[in-house]
PDB file of N, CA and C in Angstrom:
ATOM      1  N   UNK A   1     -15.307  32.825  14.183  1.00  0.00           N
ATOM      2  CA  UNK A   1     -15.574  32.095  12.963  1.00  0.00           C
ATOM      3  C   UNK A   1     -14.291  31.642  12.254  1.00  0.00           C
ATOM      4  N   UNK A   2     -13.238  32.478  12.189  1.00  0.00           N
ATOM      5  CA  UNK A   2     -12.003  32.014  11.539  1.00  0.00           C
ATOM      6  C   UNK A   2     -11.388  30.806  12.249  1.00  0.00           C
ATOM      7  N   UNK A   3     -11.574  30.730  13.576  1.00  0.00           N
ATOM      8  CA  UNK A   3     -11.033  29.581  14.299  1.00  0.00           C
ATOM      9  C   UNK A   3     -11.732  28.294  13.854  1.00  0.00           C
ATOM     10  N   UNK A   4     -13.023  28.364  13.611  1.00  0.00           N
ATOM     11  CA  UNK A   4     -13.781  27.196  13.179  1.00  0.00           C
ATOM     12  C   UNK A   4     -13.280  26.723  11.816  1.00  0.00           C
ATOM     13  N   UNK A   5     -13.061  27.652  10.920  1.00  0.00           N
ATOM     14  CA  UNK A   5     -12.559  27.301   9.588  1.00  0.00           C
ATOM     15  C   UNK A   5     -11.151  26.715   9.698  1.00  0.00           C
ATOM     16  N   UNK A   6     -10.314  27.290  10.555  1.00  0.00           N
ATOM     17  CA  UNK A   6      -8.957  26.785  10.750  1.00  0.00           C
ATOM     18  C   UNK A   6      -8.976  25.357  11.282  1.00  0.00           C
ATOM     19  N   UNK A   7      -9.782  25.104  12.315  1.00  0.00           N
ATOM     20  CA  UNK A   7      -9.825  23.765  12.897  1.00  0.00           C
ATOM     21  C   UNK A   7     -10.464  22.757  11.943  1.00  0.00           C
ATOM     22  N   UNK A   8     -11.406  23.204  11.124  1.00  0.00           N
ATOM     23  CA  UNK A   8     -11.986  22.316  10.116  1.00  0.00           C
ATOM     24  C   UNK A   8     -10.923  21.941   9.084  1.00  0.00           C
ATOM     25  N   UNK A   9     -10.121  22.912   8.667  1.00  0.00           N
ATOM     26  CA  UNK A   9      -9.061  22.638   7.697  1.00  0.00           C
ATOM     27  C   UNK A   9      -8.013  21.699   8.293  1.00  0.00           C
ATOM     28  N   UNK A  10      -7.661  21.907   9.556  1.00  0.00           N
ATOM     29  CA  UNK A  10      -6.699  21.027  10.225  1.00  0.00           C
ATOM     30  C   UNK A  10      -7.271  19.611  10.336  1.00  0.00           C
ATOM     31  N   UNK A  11      -8.558  19.515  10.640  1.00  0.00           N
ATOM     32  CA  UNK A  11      -9.204  18.203  10.735  1.00  0.00           C
ATOM     33  C   UNK A  11      -9.209  17.474   9.410  1.00  0.00           C
ATOM     34  N   UNK A  12      -9.519  18.174   8.339  1.00  0.00           N
ATOM     35  CA  UNK A  12      -9.528  17.552   7.012  1.00  0.00           C
ATOM     36  C   UNK A  12      -8.116  17.109   6.631  1.00  0.00           C
ATOM     37  N   UNK A  13      -7.126  17.953   6.895  1.00  0.00           N
ATOM     38  CA  UNK A  13      -5.739  17.590   6.586  1.00  0.00           C
ATOM     39  C   UNK A  13      -5.293  16.376   7.401  1.00  0.00           C
ATOM     40  N   UNK A  14      -5.700  16.318   8.661  1.00  0.00           N
ATOM     41  CA  UNK A  14      -5.343  15.177   9.501  1.00  0.00           C
ATOM     42  C   UNK A  14      -6.002  13.897   8.984  1.00  0.00           C
ATOM     43  N   UNK A  15      -7.240  13.988   8.562  1.00  0.00           N
ATOM     44  CA  UNK A  15      -7.951  12.820   8.036  1.00  0.00           C
ATOM     45  C   UNK A  15      -7.291  12.308   6.757  1.00  0.00           C
ATOM     46  N   UNK A  16      -6.954  13.226   5.856  1.00  0.00           N
ATOM     47  CA  UNK A  16      -6.295  12.834   4.608  1.00  0.00           C
ATOM     48  C   UNK A  16      -4.924  12.229   4.893  1.00  0.00           C
ATOM     49  N   UNK A  17      -4.193  12.811   5.827  1.00  0.00           N
ATOM     50  CA  UNK A  17      -2.892  12.267   6.208  1.00  0.00           C
ATOM     51  C   UNK A  17      -3.008  10.879   6.818  1.00  0.00           C
ATOM     52  N   UNK A  18      -4.025  10.676   7.642  1.00  0.00           N
ATOM     53  CA  UNK A  18      -4.254   9.367   8.269  1.00  0.00           C
ATOM     54  C   UNK A  18      -4.558   8.316   7.209  1.00  0.00           C
ATOM     55  N   UNK A  19      -5.415   8.652   6.251  1.00  0.00           N
ATOM     56  CA  UNK A  19      -5.749   7.700   5.188  1.00  0.00           C
ATOM     57  C   UNK A  19      -4.522   7.356   4.364  1.00  0.00           C
ATOM     58  N   UNK A  20      -3.699   8.352   4.080  1.00  0.00           N
ATOM     59  CA  UNK A  20      -2.476   8.113   3.327  1.00  0.00           C
ATOM     60  C   UNK A  20      -1.526   7.206   4.104  1.00  0.00           C
ATOM     61  N   UNK A  21      -1.397   7.456   5.385  1.00  0.00           N
ATOM     62  CA  UNK A  21      -0.541   6.641   6.235  1.00  0.00           C
ATOM     63  C   UNK A  21      -1.031   5.196   6.283  1.00  0.00           C
ATOM     64  N   UNK A  22      -2.322   4.985   6.408  1.00  0.00           N
ATOM     65  CA  UNK A  22      -2.860   3.628   6.470  1.00  0.00           C
ATOM     66  C   UNK A  22      -2.685   2.902   5.136  1.00  0.00           C
ATOM     67  N   UNK A  23      -2.828   3.613   4.032  1.00  0.00           N
ATOM     68  CA  UNK A  23      -2.634   3.003   2.714  1.00  0.00           C
ATOM     69  C   UNK A  23      -1.179   2.556   2.547  1.00  0.00           C
ATOM     70  N   UNK A  24      -0.246   3.406   2.971  1.00  0.00           N
ATOM     71  CA  UNK A  24       1.176   3.063   2.884  1.00  0.00           C
ATOM     72  C   UNK A  24       1.515   1.888   3.799  1.00  0.00           C
ATOM     73  N   UNK A  25       0.948   1.866   4.998  1.00  0.00           N
ATOM     74  CA  UNK A  25       1.204   0.770   5.935  1.00  0.00           C
ATOM     75  C   UNK A  25       0.686  -0.553   5.367  1.00  0.00           C
ATOM     76  N   UNK A  26      -0.456  -0.530   4.714  1.00  0.00           N
ATOM     77  CA  UNK A  26      -0.995  -1.749   4.120  1.00  0.00           C
ATOM     78  C   UNK A  26      -0.097  -2.238   2.987  1.00  0.00           C
ATOM     79  N   UNK A  27       0.426  -1.314   2.192  1.00  0.00           N
ATOM     80  CA  UNK A  27       1.319  -1.690   1.103  1.00  0.00           C
ATOM     81  C   UNK A  27       2.594  -2.335   1.640  1.00  0.00           C
ATOM     82  N   UNK A  28       3.162  -1.759   2.691  1.00  0.00           N
ATOM     83  CA  UNK A  28       4.381  -2.297   3.284  1.00  0.00           C
ATOM     84  C   UNK A  28       4.111  -3.661   3.916  1.00  0.00           C
ATOM     85  N   UNK A  29       2.961  -3.813   4.555  1.00  0.00           N
ATOM     86  CA  UNK A  29       2.598  -5.089   5.180  1.00  0.00           C
ATOM     87  C   UNK A  29       2.453  -6.180   4.128  1.00  0.00           C
ATOM     88  N   UNK A  30       1.798  -5.866   3.015  1.00  0.00           N
ATOM     89  CA  UNK A  30       1.633  -6.851   1.943  1.00  0.00           C
ATOM     90  C   UNK A  30       2.988  -7.272   1.378  1.00  0.00           C
ATOM     91  N   UNK A  31       3.881  -6.306   1.221  1.00  0.00           N
ATOM     92  CA  UNK A  31       5.220  -6.624   0.704  1.00  0.00           C
ATOM     93  C   UNK A  31       5.977  -7.526   1.678  1.00  0.00           C
ATOM     94  N   UNK A  32       5.883  -7.232   2.975  1.00  0.00           N
ATOM     95  CA  UNK A  32       6.568  -8.050   3.976  1.00  0.00           C
ATOM     96  C   UNK A  32       6.007  -9.471   3.998  1.00  0.00           C
ATOM     97  N   UNK A  33       4.693  -9.595   3.860  1.00  0.00           N
ATOM     98  CA  UNK A  33       4.079 -10.931   3.817  1.00  0.00           C
ATOM     99  C   UNK A  33       4.572 -11.712   2.604  1.00  0.00           C
ATOM    100  N   UNK A  34       4.647 -11.036   1.453  1.00  0.00           N
ATOM    101  CA  UNK A  34       5.103 -11.704   0.237  1.00  0.00           C
ATOM    102  C   UNK A  34       6.555 -12.148   0.383  1.00  0.00           C
ATOM    103  N   UNK A  35       7.384 -11.309   0.939  1.00  0.00           N
ATOM    104  CA  UNK A  35       8.801 -11.656   1.132  1.00  0.00           C
ATOM    105  C   UNK A  35       8.935 -12.822   2.106  1.00  0.00           C
ATOM    106  N   UNK A  36       8.141 -12.816   3.173  1.00  0.00           N
ATOM    107  CA  UNK A  36       8.186 -13.910   4.143  1.00  0.00           C
ATOM    108  C   UNK A  36       7.754 -15.220   3.495  1.00  0.00           C
ATOM    109  N   UNK A  37       6.688 -15.178   2.667  1.00  0.00           N
ATOM    110  CA  UNK A  37       6.229 -16.388   1.969  1.00  0.00           C
ATOM    111  C   UNK A  37       7.293 -16.897   1.011  1.00  0.00           C
ATOM    112  N   UNK A  38       7.951 -15.984   0.301  1.00  0.00           N
ATOM    113  CA  UNK A  38       9.007 -16.396  -0.617  1.00  0.00           C
ATOM    114  C   UNK A  38      10.162 -17.054   0.125  1.00  0.00           C
ATOM    115  N   UNK A  39      10.498 -16.530   1.294  1.00  0.00           N
ATOM    116  CA  UNK A  39      11.596 -17.105   2.081  1.00  0.00           C
ATOM    117  C   UNK A  39      11.214 -18.487   2.600  1.00  0.00           C
ATOM    118  N   UNK A  40       9.958 -18.667   3.000  1.00  0.00           N
ATOM    119  CA  UNK A  40       9.515 -19.972   3.520  1.00  0.00           C
ATOM    120  C   UNK A  40       9.541 -21.038   2.437  1.00  0.00           C
ATOM    121  N   UNK A  41       9.131 -20.670   1.222  1.00  0.00           N
ATOM    122  CA  UNK A  41       9.059 -21.660   0.149  1.00  0.00           C
ATOM    123  C   UNK A  41      10.351 -21.787  -0.633  1.00  0.00           C
ATOM    124  N   UNK A  42      11.265 -20.833  -0.438  1.00  0.00           N
ATOM    125  CA  UNK A  42      12.533 -20.880  -1.143  1.00  0.00           C
ATOM    126  C   UNK A  42      12.442 -20.382  -2.576  1.00  0.00           C
ATOM    127  N   UNK A  43      11.363 -19.700  -2.916  1.00  0.00           N
ATOM    128  CA  UNK A  43      11.227 -19.194  -4.285  1.00  0.00           C
ATOM    129  C   UNK A  43      12.076 -17.941  -4.471  1.00  0.00           C
ATOM    130  N   UNK A  44      12.330 -17.610  -5.714  1.00  0.00           N
ATOM    131  CA  UNK A  44      13.173 -16.455  -6.009  1.00  0.00           C
ATOM    132  C   UNK A  44      12.353 -15.246  -6.436  1.00  0.00           C
ATOM    133  N   UNK A  45      11.045 -15.335  -6.393  1.00  0.00           N
ATOM    134  CA  UNK A  45      10.183 -14.225  -6.767  1.00  0.00           C
ATOM    135  C   UNK A  45       8.747 -14.676  -6.878  1.00  0.00           C
ATOM    136  N   UNK A  46       7.861 -13.713  -6.976  1.00  0.00           N
ATOM    137  CA  UNK A  46       6.446 -13.999  -7.119  1.00  0.00           C
ATOM    138  C   UNK A  46       6.001 -13.567  -8.503  1.00  0.00           C
ATOM    139  N   UNK A  47       5.277 -14.444  -9.187  1.00  0.00           N
ATOM    140  CA  UNK A  47       4.777 -14.114 -10.508  1.00  0.00           C
ATOM    141  C   UNK A  47       3.345 -13.602 -10.404  1.00  0.00           C
ATOM    142  N   UNK A  48       3.040 -12.612 -11.224  1.00  0.00           N
ATOM    143  CA  UNK A  48       1.705 -12.018 -11.258  1.00  0.00           C
ATOM    144  C   UNK A  48       1.212 -12.089 -12.693  1.00  0.00           C
ATOM    145  N   UNK A  49      -0.032 -12.506 -12.868  1.00  0.00           N
ATOM    146  CA  UNK A  49      -0.591 -12.628 -14.206  1.00  0.00           C
ATOM    147  C   UNK A  49      -1.049 -11.262 -14.708  1.00  0.00           C
ATOM    148  N   UNK A  50      -0.615 -10.909 -15.917  1.00  0.00           N
ATOM    149  CA  UNK A  50      -1.033  -9.667 -16.550  1.00  0.00           C
ATOM    150  C   UNK A  50      -2.430  -9.895 -17.127  1.00  0.00           C
ATOM    151  N   UNK A  51      -3.434  -9.121 -16.685  1.00  0.00           N
ATOM    152  CA  UNK A  51      -4.801  -9.374 -17.143  1.00  0.00           C
ATOM    153  C   UNK A  51      -5.009  -9.108 -18.637  1.00  0.00           C
ATOM    154  N   UNK A  52      -4.229  -8.227 -19.232  1.00  0.00           N
ATOM    155  CA  UNK A  52      -4.417  -7.901 -20.643  1.00  0.00           C
ATOM    156  C   UNK A  52      -3.840  -8.964 -21.570  1.00  0.00           C
ATOM    157  N   UNK A  53      -2.611  -9.409 -21.288  1.00  0.00           N
ATOM    158  CA  UNK A  53      -1.947 -10.346 -22.189  1.00  0.00           C
ATOM    159  C   UNK A  53      -2.046 -11.788 -21.721  1.00  0.00           C
ATOM    160  N   UNK A  54      -2.310 -11.998 -20.434  1.00  0.00           N
ATOM    161  CA  UNK A  54      -2.377 -13.346 -19.891  1.00  0.00           C
ATOM    162  C   UNK A  54      -1.021 -13.924 -19.569  1.00  0.00           C
ATOM    163  N   UNK A  55       0.044 -13.137 -19.699  1.00  0.00           N
ATOM    164  CA  UNK A  55       1.380 -13.615 -19.400  1.00  0.00           C
ATOM    165  C   UNK A  55       1.711 -13.382 -17.928  1.00  0.00           C
ATOM    166  N   UNK A  56       2.586 -14.212 -17.402  1.00  0.00           N
ATOM    167  CA  UNK A  56       3.051 -14.047 -16.028  1.00  0.00           C
ATOM    168  C   UNK A  56       4.359 -13.285 -16.016  1.00  0.00           C
ATOM    169  N   UNK A  57       4.456 -12.328 -15.103  1.00  0.00           N
ATOM    170  CA  UNK A  57       5.662 -11.504 -14.956  1.00  0.00           C
ATOM    171  C   UNK A  57       6.016 -11.419 -13.484  1.00  0.00           C
ATOM    172  N   UNK A  58       7.267 -11.120 -13.166  1.00  0.00           N
ATOM    173  CA  UNK A  58       7.646 -10.935 -11.754  1.00  0.00           C
ATOM    174  C   UNK A  58       6.896  -9.746 -11.142  1.00  0.00           C
ATOM    175  N   UNK A  59       6.515  -9.886  -9.879  1.00  0.00           N
ATOM    176  CA  UNK A  59       5.795  -8.812  -9.191  1.00  0.00           C
ATOM    177  C   UNK A  59       6.711  -7.634  -8.977  1.00  0.00           C
ATOM    178  N   UNK A  60       6.168  -6.440  -9.124  1.00  0.00           N
ATOM    179  CA  UNK A  60       6.939  -5.216  -8.903  1.00  0.00           C
ATOM    180  C   UNK A  60       6.414  -4.525  -7.661  1.00  0.00           C
ATOM    181  N   UNK A  61       7.318  -3.828  -6.963  1.00  0.00           N
ATOM    182  CA  UNK A  61       6.915  -3.096  -5.760  1.00  0.00           C
ATOM    183  C   UNK A  61       6.573  -1.678  -6.075  1.00  0.00           C
TER     184      UNK A  61
END
């Protein structure tokens, strides 16, 4: 029985680690796409609209 609990805990930890890894990979991919688009268009940054104030600000990583 302790082996079952151990392997269940390892499985849950692996699943959580996998989800974290995929979330980080998606964030890095989005940043790379944005940088590539900026290089293609020659822009010096990407502006993002603040939903509360309606003002545009430079995107932060």
